Each structure stands twice: as structure tokens, then as C-alpha cells.
Amino acid sequence: MTKISELDAQTQIELEAAAFRRLLAHLDSRKDTQNIDLMNLAGFCRNCLSKWYVSAADEKNLSIDYEEARERIYGMPYSEWKDKYQQTASAEQLATFAKKHD
């Protein structure tokens, strides 16, 4: 068994990229999971991933538009995803969010 600490940098990057792509595919398959659910449970959502993507690009001196990053994360333009899949947050979801993020 290979230890992670033994991996060369390129292999580590490839594994991390594969895990990220799998996360995006998983989120794409679970459009029923709303961003507020992710925020309440894990403290991040699809929009956070979009912002992290832009931030990672900034660290490489690349300028990536936030809306383009959102399209990468959501698999379609955000406005389209929002129209098709976003549901109105329940009072319970909003209360949980407020309690965790006040």
C-alpha cells in the first residue's frame, strides 16, 4: 500500500483533481441537495466552491470570472440551475443557518 506522504507532487495533484471532479459529479447527481442544506451541514456550498476556484486561479495570477467558475461548479449557468433546481428555503433551514452563522 502506498502512503500518501510517499506520493510525488504530480500524482498528488492528479488524485486531488480526480477527487474534486468526483465531488462535482456527486453534487450534480444530487441537485435535490440545496446549498442551504450543504451550508447547514458542512459549512460550505456550491457557491463557496466557485469562490475557492476563483481564489485558486488568483493565486496562479489567473483572472477567472466568478460566473464562469459557477458554471464549472454547477455544470450549467447559475441562473439556469437556480431556475430548474433551487427551492425556497424552509423556515427550519433558515433558522438553522441563522443559528450556525450569526
C-alpha atoms as a PDB file:
ATOM      1  CA  MET A   1       0.000   0.000   0.000  1.00  0.00           C
ATOM      2  CA  THR A   2       1.341   3.419  -0.973  1.00  0.00           C
ATOM      3  CA  LYS A   3       1.413   6.077   1.713  1.00  0.00           C
ATOM      4  CA  ILE A   4       0.145   9.493   0.726  1.00  0.00           C
ATOM      5  CA  SER A   5       3.334  11.014   2.114  1.00  0.00           C
ATOM      6  CA  GLU A   6       5.277   8.960  -0.473  1.00  0.00           C
ATOM      7  CA  LEU A   7       3.434  10.378  -3.490  1.00  0.00           C
ATOM      8  CA  ASP A   8       5.222  12.746  -5.817  1.00  0.00           C
ATOM      9  CA  ALA A   9       3.670  16.188  -6.235  1.00  0.00           C
ATOM     10  CA  GLN A  10       2.203  15.482  -9.689  1.00  0.00           C
ATOM     11  CA  THR A  11       0.475  12.280  -8.564  1.00  0.00           C
ATOM     12  CA  GLN A  12      -0.936  14.074  -5.529  1.00  0.00           C
ATOM     13  CA  ILE A  13      -2.288  16.851  -7.760  1.00  0.00           C
ATOM     14  CA  GLU A  14      -3.853  14.267 -10.089  1.00  0.00           C
ATOM     15  CA  LEU A  15      -5.521  12.433  -7.205  1.00  0.00           C
ATOM     16  CA  GLU A  16      -6.822  15.676  -5.702  1.00  0.00           C
ATOM     17  CA  ALA A  17      -8.149  16.761  -9.100  1.00  0.00           C
ATOM     18  CA  ALA A  18      -9.880  13.405  -9.558  1.00  0.00           C
ATOM     19  CA  ALA A  19     -11.457  13.683  -6.110  1.00  0.00           C
ATOM     20  CA  PHE A  20     -12.642  17.215  -6.939  1.00  0.00           C
ATOM     21  CA  ARG A  21     -14.171  16.052 -10.229  1.00  0.00           C
ATOM     22  CA  ARG A  22     -15.914  13.252  -8.355  1.00  0.00           C
ATOM     23  CA  LEU A  23     -17.265  15.752  -5.811  1.00  0.00           C
ATOM     24  CA  LEU A  24     -18.647  17.880  -8.649  1.00  0.00           C
ATOM     25  CA  ALA A  25     -20.235  14.815 -10.274  1.00  0.00           C
ATOM     26  CA  HIS A  26     -21.747  13.817  -6.951  1.00  0.00           C
ATOM     27  CA  LEU A  27     -23.181  17.286  -6.379  1.00  0.00           C
ATOM     28  CA  ASP A  28     -24.502  17.254  -9.947  1.00  0.00           C
ATOM     29  CA  SER A  29     -26.270  13.968  -9.255  1.00  0.00           C
ATOM     30  CA  ARG A  30     -27.790  15.410  -6.067  1.00  0.00           C
ATOM     31  CA  LYS A  31     -29.490  18.542  -7.315  1.00  0.00           C
ATOM     32  CA  ASP A  32     -32.098  17.863  -4.631  1.00  0.00           C
ATOM     33  CA  THR A  33     -29.478  18.868  -2.066  1.00  0.00           C
ATOM     34  CA  GLN A  34     -29.836  22.588  -1.763  1.00  0.00           C
ATOM     35  CA  ASN A  35     -26.974  24.962  -0.998  1.00  0.00           C
ATOM     36  CA  ILE A  36     -28.556  25.833   2.333  1.00  0.00           C
ATOM     37  CA  ASP A  37     -28.515  22.123   3.234  1.00  0.00           C
ATOM     38  CA  LEU A  38     -24.806  21.986   2.432  1.00  0.00           C
ATOM     39  CA  MET A  39     -24.145  25.174   4.405  1.00  0.00           C
ATOM     40  CA  ASN A  40     -26.095  23.922   7.402  1.00  0.00           C
ATOM     41  CA  LEU A  41     -24.391  20.550   7.412  1.00  0.00           C
ATOM     42  CA  ALA A  42     -20.877  21.225   6.175  1.00  0.00           C
ATOM     43  CA  GLY A  43     -20.380  24.985   6.254  1.00  0.00           C
ATOM     44  CA  PHE A  44     -19.805  25.299   2.505  1.00  0.00           C
ATOM     45  CA  CYS A  45     -21.864  25.109  -0.670  1.00  0.00           C
ATOM     46  CA  ARG A  46     -21.546  25.192  -4.435  1.00  0.00           C
ATOM     47  CA  ASN A  47     -21.050  28.961  -4.340  1.00  0.00           C
ATOM     48  CA  CYS A  48     -18.189  28.523  -1.868  1.00  0.00           C
ATOM     49  CA  LEU A  49     -16.556  26.043  -4.251  1.00  0.00           C
ATOM     50  CA  SER A  50     -16.929  28.620  -7.025  1.00  0.00           C
ATOM     51  CA  LYS A  51     -15.237  31.265  -4.897  1.00  0.00           C
ATOM     52  CA  TRP A  52     -12.441  28.835  -3.951  1.00  0.00           C
ATOM     53  CA  TYR A  53     -11.935  28.088  -7.657  1.00  0.00           C
ATOM     54  CA  VAL A  54     -11.575  31.807  -8.418  1.00  0.00           C
ATOM     55  CA  SER A  55      -9.240  32.214  -5.433  1.00  0.00           C
ATOM     56  CA  ALA A  56      -7.057  29.316  -6.594  1.00  0.00           C
ATOM     57  CA  ALA A  57      -6.842  30.934 -10.031  1.00  0.00           C
ATOM     58  CA  ASP A  58      -5.896  34.261  -8.421  1.00  0.00           C
ATOM     59  CA  GLU A  59      -3.037  32.504  -6.604  1.00  0.00           C
ATOM     60  CA  LYS A  60      -1.750  31.440 -10.033  1.00  0.00           C
ATOM     61  CA  ASN A  61      -2.129  35.023 -11.346  1.00  0.00           C
ATOM     62  CA  LEU A  62      -5.073  33.959 -13.497  1.00  0.00           C
ATOM     63  CA  SER A  63      -8.222  36.010 -13.691  1.00  0.00           C
ATOM     64  CA  ILE A  64     -11.290  33.787 -13.870  1.00  0.00           C
ATOM     65  CA  ASP A  65     -14.762  35.279 -13.883  1.00  0.00           C
ATOM     66  CA  TYR A  66     -16.864  34.226 -10.896  1.00  0.00           C
ATOM     67  CA  GLU A  67     -19.864  33.418 -13.101  1.00  0.00           C
ATOM     68  CA  GLU A  68     -17.671  31.165 -15.263  1.00  0.00           C
ATOM     69  CA  ALA A  69     -16.436  29.426 -12.127  1.00  0.00           C
ATOM     70  CA  ARG A  70     -20.039  28.950 -11.012  1.00  0.00           C
ATOM     71  CA  GLU A  71     -20.861  27.402 -14.373  1.00  0.00           C
ATOM     72  CA  ARG A  72     -17.962  24.957 -13.887  1.00  0.00           C
ATOM     73  CA  ILE A  73     -19.195  24.008 -10.419  1.00  0.00           C
ATOM     74  CA  TYR A  74     -22.915  23.899 -11.235  1.00  0.00           C
ATOM     75  CA  GLY A  75     -22.443  22.274 -14.661  1.00  0.00           C
ATOM     76  CA  MET A  76     -24.555  24.977 -16.284  1.00  0.00           C
ATOM     77  CA  PRO A  77     -25.068  28.725 -15.930  1.00  0.00           C
ATOM     78  CA  TYR A  78     -26.055  29.515 -12.350  1.00  0.00           C
ATOM     79  CA  SER A  79     -29.230  31.285 -13.444  1.00  0.00           C
ATOM     80  CA  GLU A  80     -30.337  28.138 -15.286  1.00  0.00           C
ATOM     81  CA  TRP A  81     -29.529  25.888 -12.289  1.00  0.00           C
ATOM     82  CA  LYS A  82     -31.381  28.273  -9.988  1.00  0.00           C
ATOM     83  CA  ASP A  83     -34.479  28.285 -12.227  1.00  0.00           C
ATOM     84  CA  LYS A  84     -34.504  24.492 -12.584  1.00  0.00           C
ATOM     85  CA  TYR A  85     -33.407  23.242  -9.178  1.00  0.00           C
ATOM     86  CA  GLN A  86     -33.291  25.856  -6.430  1.00  0.00           C
ATOM     87  CA  GLN A  87     -36.118  25.577  -3.952  1.00  0.00           C
ATOM     88  CA  THR A  88     -37.289  28.129  -1.443  1.00  0.00           C
ATOM     89  CA  ALA A  89     -35.594  27.565   1.890  1.00  0.00           C
ATOM     90  CA  SER A  90     -37.899  26.446   4.671  1.00  0.00           C
ATOM     91  CA  ALA A  91     -38.245  28.347   7.929  1.00  0.00           C
ATOM     92  CA  GLU A  92     -36.382  25.498   9.647  1.00  0.00           C
ATOM     93  CA  GLN A  93     -33.489  25.653   7.167  1.00  0.00           C
ATOM     94  CA  LEU A  94     -33.234  29.419   7.572  1.00  0.00           C
ATOM     95  CA  ALA A  95     -33.336  29.155  11.377  1.00  0.00           C
ATOM     96  CA  THR A  96     -30.581  26.538  11.370  1.00  0.00           C
ATOM     97  CA  PHE A  97     -28.491  28.701   9.051  1.00  0.00           C
ATOM     98  CA  ALA A  98     -29.009  31.775  11.232  1.00  0.00           C
ATOM     99  CA  LYS A  99     -28.047  29.871  14.371  1.00  0.00           C
ATOM    100  CA  LYS A 100     -24.849  28.491  12.831  1.00  0.00           C
ATOM    101  CA  HIS A 101     -23.803  31.678  11.036  1.00  0.00           C
ATOM    102  CA  ASP A 102     -24.693  34.509  13.368  1.00  0.00           C
END
